[in-house]
Amino acid sequence: MLTFLVWLILFIICWPLAIIALILYPIVWLLLLPFRLLGFAIDLSLDLVRNIFMFPFRATSRA
């Protein structure tokens, strides 16, 4: 909602810039999507490694 209000203010102040932003936003989002997926995969991989190393300590503390 806040993004929409900022876009409306930009549209009122400078409508050509707002139209360009409206057109470029999906393109930039698509260009950044692989980096988000890569970050998600790296985060999951590091979580898996951390859980593998922490498993013996969890197993002994519950016994």
PDB file of N, CA and C in Angstrom:
ATOM      1  N   MET A   1       0.823  -1.185   0.000  1.00  0.00           N
ATOM      2  CA  MET A   1       0.000   0.000   0.000  1.00  0.00           C
ATOM      3  C   MET A   1       0.868   1.250   0.000  1.00  0.00           C
ATOM      4  N   LEU A   2       1.931   1.223   0.793  1.00  0.00           N
ATOM      5  CA  LEU A   2       2.828   2.372   0.856  1.00  0.00           C
ATOM      6  C   LEU A   2       3.514   2.601  -0.497  1.00  0.00           C
ATOM      7  N   THR A   3       3.889   1.503  -1.162  1.00  0.00           N
ATOM      8  CA  THR A   3       4.519   1.623  -2.473  1.00  0.00           C
ATOM      9  C   THR A   3       3.578   2.291  -3.464  1.00  0.00           C
ATOM     10  N   PHE A   4       2.324   1.925  -3.408  1.00  0.00           N
ATOM     11  CA  PHE A   4       1.336   2.520  -4.305  1.00  0.00           C
ATOM     12  C   PHE A   4       1.163   4.011  -4.032  1.00  0.00           C
ATOM     13  N   LEU A   5       1.151   4.386  -2.768  1.00  0.00           N
ATOM     14  CA  LEU A   5       1.019   5.810  -2.425  1.00  0.00           C
ATOM     15  C   LEU A   5       2.243   6.607  -2.887  1.00  0.00           C
ATOM     16  N   VAL A   6       3.427   6.022  -2.733  1.00  0.00           N
ATOM     17  CA  VAL A   6       4.635   6.695  -3.216  1.00  0.00           C
ATOM     18  C   VAL A   6       4.589   6.836  -4.726  1.00  0.00           C
ATOM     19  N   TRP A   7       4.101   5.815  -5.414  1.00  0.00           N
ATOM     20  CA  TRP A   7       3.981   5.898  -6.873  1.00  0.00           C
ATOM     21  C   TRP A   7       2.981   6.975  -7.270  1.00  0.00           C
ATOM     22  N   LEU A   8       1.873   7.090  -6.545  1.00  0.00           N
ATOM     23  CA  LEU A   8       0.892   8.138  -6.847  1.00  0.00           C
ATOM     24  C   LEU A   8       1.476   9.532  -6.649  1.00  0.00           C
ATOM     25  N   ILE A   9       2.256   9.709  -5.590  1.00  0.00           N
ATOM     26  CA  ILE A   9       2.907  11.004  -5.366  1.00  0.00           C
ATOM     27  C   ILE A   9       3.880  11.296  -6.496  1.00  0.00           C
ATOM     28  N   LEU A  10       4.654  10.294  -6.894  1.00  0.00           N
ATOM     29  CA  LEU A  10       5.575  10.470  -8.014  1.00  0.00           C
ATOM     30  C   LEU A  10       4.810  10.779  -9.295  1.00  0.00           C
ATOM     31  N   PHE A  11       3.667  10.148  -9.483  1.00  0.00           N
ATOM     32  CA  PHE A  11       2.852  10.385 -10.677  1.00  0.00           C
ATOM     33  C   PHE A  11       2.336  11.820 -10.716  1.00  0.00           C
ATOM     34  N   ILE A  12       1.974  12.339  -9.563  1.00  0.00           N
ATOM     35  CA  ILE A  12       1.485  13.712  -9.493  1.00  0.00           C
ATOM     36  C   ILE A  12       2.622  14.701  -9.740  1.00  0.00           C
ATOM     37  N   ILE A  13       3.782  14.425  -9.176  1.00  0.00           N
ATOM     38  CA  ILE A  13       4.908  15.349  -9.299  1.00  0.00           C
ATOM     39  C   ILE A  13       5.540  15.279 -10.688  1.00  0.00           C
ATOM     40  N   CYS A  14       5.817  14.080 -11.156  1.00  0.00           N
ATOM     41  CA  CYS A  14       6.509  13.917 -12.435  1.00  0.00           C
ATOM     42  C   CYS A  14       5.978  12.661 -13.117  1.00  0.00           C
ATOM     43  N   TRP A  15       4.943  12.810 -13.926  1.00  0.00           N
ATOM     44  CA  TRP A  15       4.293  11.633 -14.490  1.00  0.00           C
ATOM     45  C   TRP A  15       5.147  10.856 -15.484  1.00  0.00           C
ATOM     46  N   PRO A  16       6.053  11.473 -16.290  1.00  0.00           N
ATOM     47  CA  PRO A  16       6.867  10.626 -17.176  1.00  0.00           C
ATOM     48  C   PRO A  16       7.789   9.670 -16.405  1.00  0.00           C
ATOM     49  N   LEU A  17       8.357  10.167 -15.314  1.00  0.00           N
ATOM     50  CA  LEU A  17       9.218   9.319 -14.492  1.00  0.00           C
ATOM     51  C   LEU A  17       8.415   8.186 -13.851  1.00  0.00           C
ATOM     52  N   ALA A  18       7.193   8.482 -13.450  1.00  0.00           N
ATOM     53  CA  ALA A  18       6.341   7.446 -12.859  1.00  0.00           C
ATOM     54  C   ALA A  18       5.974   6.377 -13.878  1.00  0.00           C
ATOM     55  N   ILE A  19       5.705   6.774 -15.108  1.00  0.00           N
ATOM     56  CA  ILE A  19       5.375   5.795 -16.158  1.00  0.00           C
ATOM     57  C   ILE A  19       6.593   4.925 -16.468  1.00  0.00           C
ATOM     58  N   ILE A  20       7.774   5.532 -16.525  1.00  0.00           N
ATOM     59  CA  ILE A  20       9.001   4.762 -16.762  1.00  0.00           C
ATOM     60  C   ILE A  20       9.235   3.775 -15.614  1.00  0.00           C
ATOM     61  N   ALA A  21       9.026   4.224 -14.382  1.00  0.00           N
ATOM     62  CA  ALA A  21       9.190   3.333 -13.224  1.00  0.00           C
ATOM     63  C   ALA A  21       8.183   2.186 -13.287  1.00  0.00           C
ATOM     64  N   LEU A  22       6.975   2.483 -13.713  1.00  0.00           N
ATOM     65  CA  LEU A  22       5.941   1.456 -13.811  1.00  0.00           C
ATOM     66  C   LEU A  22       6.304   0.409 -14.861  1.00  0.00           C
ATOM     67  N   ILE A  23       6.942   0.835 -15.934  1.00  0.00           N
ATOM     68  CA  ILE A  23       7.334  -0.098 -16.994  1.00  0.00           C
ATOM     69  C   ILE A  23       8.575  -0.886 -16.600  1.00  0.00           C
ATOM     70  N   LEU A  24       9.548  -0.231 -15.955  1.00  0.00           N
ATOM     71  CA  LEU A  24      10.809  -0.890 -15.632  1.00  0.00           C
ATOM     72  C   LEU A  24      10.738  -1.800 -14.410  1.00  0.00           C
ATOM     73  N   TYR A  25       9.781  -1.585 -13.515  1.00  0.00           N
ATOM     74  CA  TYR A  25       9.714  -2.378 -12.282  1.00  0.00           C
ATOM     75  C   TYR A  25       9.605  -3.886 -12.552  1.00  0.00           C
ATOM     76  N   PRO A  26       8.699  -4.342 -13.422  1.00  0.00           N
ATOM     77  CA  PRO A  26       8.641  -5.799 -13.669  1.00  0.00           C
ATOM     78  C   PRO A  26       9.903  -6.342 -14.337  1.00  0.00           C
ATOM     79  N   ILE A  27      10.534  -5.533 -15.179  1.00  0.00           N
ATOM     80  CA  ILE A  27      11.759  -5.986 -15.849  1.00  0.00           C
ATOM     81  C   ILE A  27      12.877  -6.159 -14.831  1.00  0.00           C
ATOM     82  N   VAL A  28      13.038  -5.197 -13.946  1.00  0.00           N
ATOM     83  CA  VAL A  28      14.071  -5.288 -12.907  1.00  0.00           C
ATOM     84  C   VAL A  28      13.762  -6.458 -11.969  1.00  0.00           C
ATOM     85  N   TRP A  29      12.484  -6.656 -11.638  1.00  0.00           N
ATOM     86  CA  TRP A  29      12.100  -7.767 -10.767  1.00  0.00           C
ATOM     87  C   TRP A  29      12.476  -9.108 -11.412  1.00  0.00           C
ATOM     88  N   LEU A  30      12.231  -9.242 -12.720  1.00  0.00           N
ATOM     89  CA  LEU A  30      12.589 -10.477 -13.412  1.00  0.00           C
ATOM     90  C   LEU A  30      14.105 -10.670 -13.487  1.00  0.00           C
ATOM     91  N   LEU A  31      14.846  -9.580 -13.643  1.00  0.00           N
ATOM     92  CA  LEU A  31      16.303  -9.697 -13.681  1.00  0.00           C
ATOM     93  C   LEU A  31      16.873 -10.100 -12.323  1.00  0.00           C
ATOM     94  N   LEU A  32      16.257  -9.668 -11.244  1.00  0.00           N
ATOM     95  CA  LEU A  32      16.766  -9.981  -9.911  1.00  0.00           C
ATOM     96  C   LEU A  32      16.265 -11.323  -9.372  1.00  0.00           C
ATOM     97  N   LEU A  33      15.286 -11.919 -10.021  1.00  0.00           N
ATOM     98  CA  LEU A  33      14.713 -13.178  -9.548  1.00  0.00           C
ATOM     99  C   LEU A  33      15.738 -14.308  -9.420  1.00  0.00           C
ATOM    100  N   PRO A  34      16.644 -14.514 -10.390  1.00  0.00           N
ATOM    101  CA  PRO A  34      17.636 -15.592 -10.201  1.00  0.00           C
ATOM    102  C   PRO A  34      18.519 -15.388  -8.974  1.00  0.00           C
ATOM    103  N   PHE A  35      18.852 -14.124  -8.658  1.00  0.00           N
ATOM    104  CA  PHE A  35      19.677 -13.874  -7.483  1.00  0.00           C
ATOM    105  C   PHE A  35      18.907 -14.172  -6.200  1.00  0.00           C
ATOM    106  N   ARG A  36      17.617 -13.906  -6.184  1.00  0.00           N
ATOM    107  CA  ARG A  36      16.807 -14.275  -5.012  1.00  0.00           C
ATOM    108  C   ARG A  36      16.749 -15.785  -4.842  1.00  0.00           C
ATOM    109  N   LEU A  37      16.563 -16.505  -5.955  1.00  0.00           N
ATOM    110  CA  LEU A  37      16.522 -17.965  -5.886  1.00  0.00           C
ATOM    111  C   LEU A  37      17.874 -18.529  -5.452  1.00  0.00           C
ATOM    112  N   LEU A  38      18.958 -17.948  -5.939  1.00  0.00           N
ATOM    113  CA  LEU A  38      20.284 -18.391  -5.544  1.00  0.00           C
ATOM    114  C   LEU A  38      20.515 -18.140  -4.055  1.00  0.00           C
ATOM    115  N   GLY A  39      20.096 -16.991  -3.578  1.00  0.00           N
ATOM    116  CA  GLY A  39      20.225 -16.698  -2.157  1.00  0.00           C
ATOM    117  C   GLY A  39      19.417 -17.649  -1.302  1.00  0.00           C
ATOM    118  N   PHE A  40      18.219 -17.984  -1.764  1.00  0.00           N
ATOM    119  CA  PHE A  40      17.372 -18.939  -1.045  1.00  0.00           C
ATOM    120  C   PHE A  40      18.027 -20.316  -1.002  1.00  0.00           C
ATOM    121  N   ALA A  41      18.605 -20.746  -2.123  1.00  0.00           N
ATOM    122  CA  ALA A  41      19.265 -22.058  -2.177  1.00  0.00           C
ATOM    123  C   ALA A  41      20.502 -22.086  -1.277  1.00  0.00           C
ATOM    124  N   ILE A  42      21.280 -21.019  -1.269  1.00  0.00           N
ATOM    125  CA  ILE A  42      22.471 -20.964  -0.418  1.00  0.00           C
ATOM    126  C   ILE A  42      22.070 -20.968   1.052  1.00  0.00           C
ATOM    127  N   ASP A  43      21.019 -20.231   1.377  1.00  0.00           N
ATOM    128  CA  ASP A  43      20.545 -20.197   2.764  1.00  0.00           C
ATOM    129  C   ASP A  43      20.096 -21.587   3.223  1.00  0.00           C
ATOM    130  N   LEU A  44      19.360 -22.291   2.369  1.00  0.00           N
ATOM    131  CA  LEU A  44      18.932 -23.647   2.726  1.00  0.00           C
ATOM    132  C   LEU A  44      20.121 -24.598   2.861  1.00  0.00           C
ATOM    133  N   SER A  45      21.102 -24.457   1.975  1.00  0.00           N
ATOM    134  CA  SER A  45      22.291 -25.321   2.048  1.00  0.00           C
ATOM    135  C   SER A  45      23.063 -25.083   3.346  1.00  0.00           C
ATOM    136  N   LEU A  46      23.235 -23.828   3.711  1.00  0.00           N
ATOM    137  CA  LEU A  46      23.963 -23.534   4.951  1.00  0.00           C
ATOM    138  C   LEU A  46      23.176 -23.992   6.175  1.00  0.00           C
ATOM    139  N   ASP A  47      21.851 -23.884   6.116  1.00  0.00           N
ATOM    140  CA  ASP A  47      21.035 -24.418   7.212  1.00  0.00           C
ATOM    141  C   ASP A  47      21.196 -25.934   7.339  1.00  0.00           C
ATOM    142  N   LEU A  48      21.237 -26.625   6.208  1.00  0.00           N
ATOM    143  CA  LEU A  48      21.421 -28.074   6.231  1.00  0.00           C
ATOM    144  C   LEU A  48      22.766 -28.446   6.848  1.00  0.00           C
ATOM    145  N   VAL A  49      23.820 -27.765   6.447  1.00  0.00           N
ATOM    146  CA  VAL A  49      25.150 -28.042   6.998  1.00  0.00           C
ATOM    147  C   VAL A  49      25.176 -27.748   8.495  1.00  0.00           C
ATOM    148  N   ARG A  50      24.579 -26.649   8.903  1.00  0.00           N
ATOM    149  CA  ARG A  50      24.542 -26.296  10.328  1.00  0.00           C
ATOM    150  C   ARG A  50      23.777 -27.362  11.119  1.00  0.00           C
ATOM    151  N   ASN A  51      22.654 -27.812  10.589  1.00  0.00           N
ATOM    152  CA  ASN A  51      21.873 -28.829  11.295  1.00  0.00           C
ATOM    153  C   ASN A  51      22.593 -30.172  11.345  1.00  0.00           C
ATOM    154  N   ILE A  52      23.358 -30.494  10.305  1.00  0.00           N
ATOM    155  CA  ILE A  52      24.131 -31.746  10.327  1.00  0.00           C
ATOM    156  C   ILE A  52      25.193 -31.692  11.417  1.00  0.00           C
ATOM    157  N   PHE A  53      25.879 -30.549  11.541  1.00  0.00           N
ATOM    158  CA  PHE A  53      26.910 -30.430  12.573  1.00  0.00           C
ATOM    159  C   PHE A  53      26.315 -30.319  13.973  1.00  0.00           C
ATOM    160  N   MET A  54      25.132 -29.762  14.112  1.00  0.00           N
ATOM    161  CA  MET A  54      24.533 -29.576  15.430  1.00  0.00           C
ATOM    162  C   MET A  54      23.744 -30.799  15.897  1.00  0.00           C
ATOM    163  N   PHE A  55      23.502 -31.763  15.003  1.00  0.00           N
ATOM    164  CA  PHE A  55      22.690 -32.916  15.364  1.00  0.00           C
ATOM    165  C   PHE A  55      23.247 -33.705  16.546  1.00  0.00           C
ATOM    166  N   PRO A  56      24.561 -34.000  16.609  1.00  0.00           N
ATOM    167  CA  PRO A  56      25.046 -34.763  17.781  1.00  0.00           C
ATOM    168  C   PRO A  56      24.811 -34.045  19.103  1.00  0.00           C
ATOM    169  N   PHE A  57      24.930 -32.722  19.111  1.00  0.00           N
ATOM    170  CA  PHE A  57      24.715 -31.985  20.346  1.00  0.00           C
ATOM    171  C   PHE A  57      23.245 -31.975  20.748  1.00  0.00           C
ATOM    172  N   ARG A  58      22.357 -31.936  19.761  1.00  0.00           N
ATOM    173  CA  ARG A  58      20.918 -32.004  20.059  1.00  0.00           C
ATOM    174  C   ARG A  58      20.535 -33.391  20.558  1.00  0.00           C
ATOM    175  N   ALA A  59      21.118 -34.409  19.939  1.00  0.00           N
ATOM    176  CA  ALA A  59      20.777 -35.781  20.324  1.00  0.00           C
ATOM    177  C   ALA A  59      21.234 -36.078  21.756  1.00  0.00           C
ATOM    178  N   THR A  60      22.384 -35.580  22.154  1.00  0.00           N
ATOM    179  CA  THR A  60      22.882 -35.865  23.489  1.00  0.00           C
ATOM    180  C   THR A  60      22.159 -35.018  24.544  1.00  0.00           C
ATOM    181  N   SER A  61      21.688 -33.858  24.181  1.00  0.00           N
ATOM    182  CA  SER A  61      21.026 -33.013  25.187  1.00  0.00           C
ATOM    183  C   SER A  61      19.603 -33.495  25.480  1.00  0.00           C
ATOM    184  N   ARG A  62      19.008 -34.244  24.577  1.00  0.00           N
ATOM    185  CA  ARG A  62      17.643 -34.734  24.796  1.00  0.00           C
ATOM    186  C   ARG A  62      17.631 -36.073  25.537  1.00  0.00           C
ATOM    187  N   ALA A  63      18.751 -36.737  25.585  1.00  0.00           N
ATOM    188  CA  ALA A  63      18.794 -38.071  26.202  1.00  0.00           C
ATOM    189  C   ALA A  63      18.710 -37.992  27.706  1.00  0.00           C
TER     190      ALA A  63
END
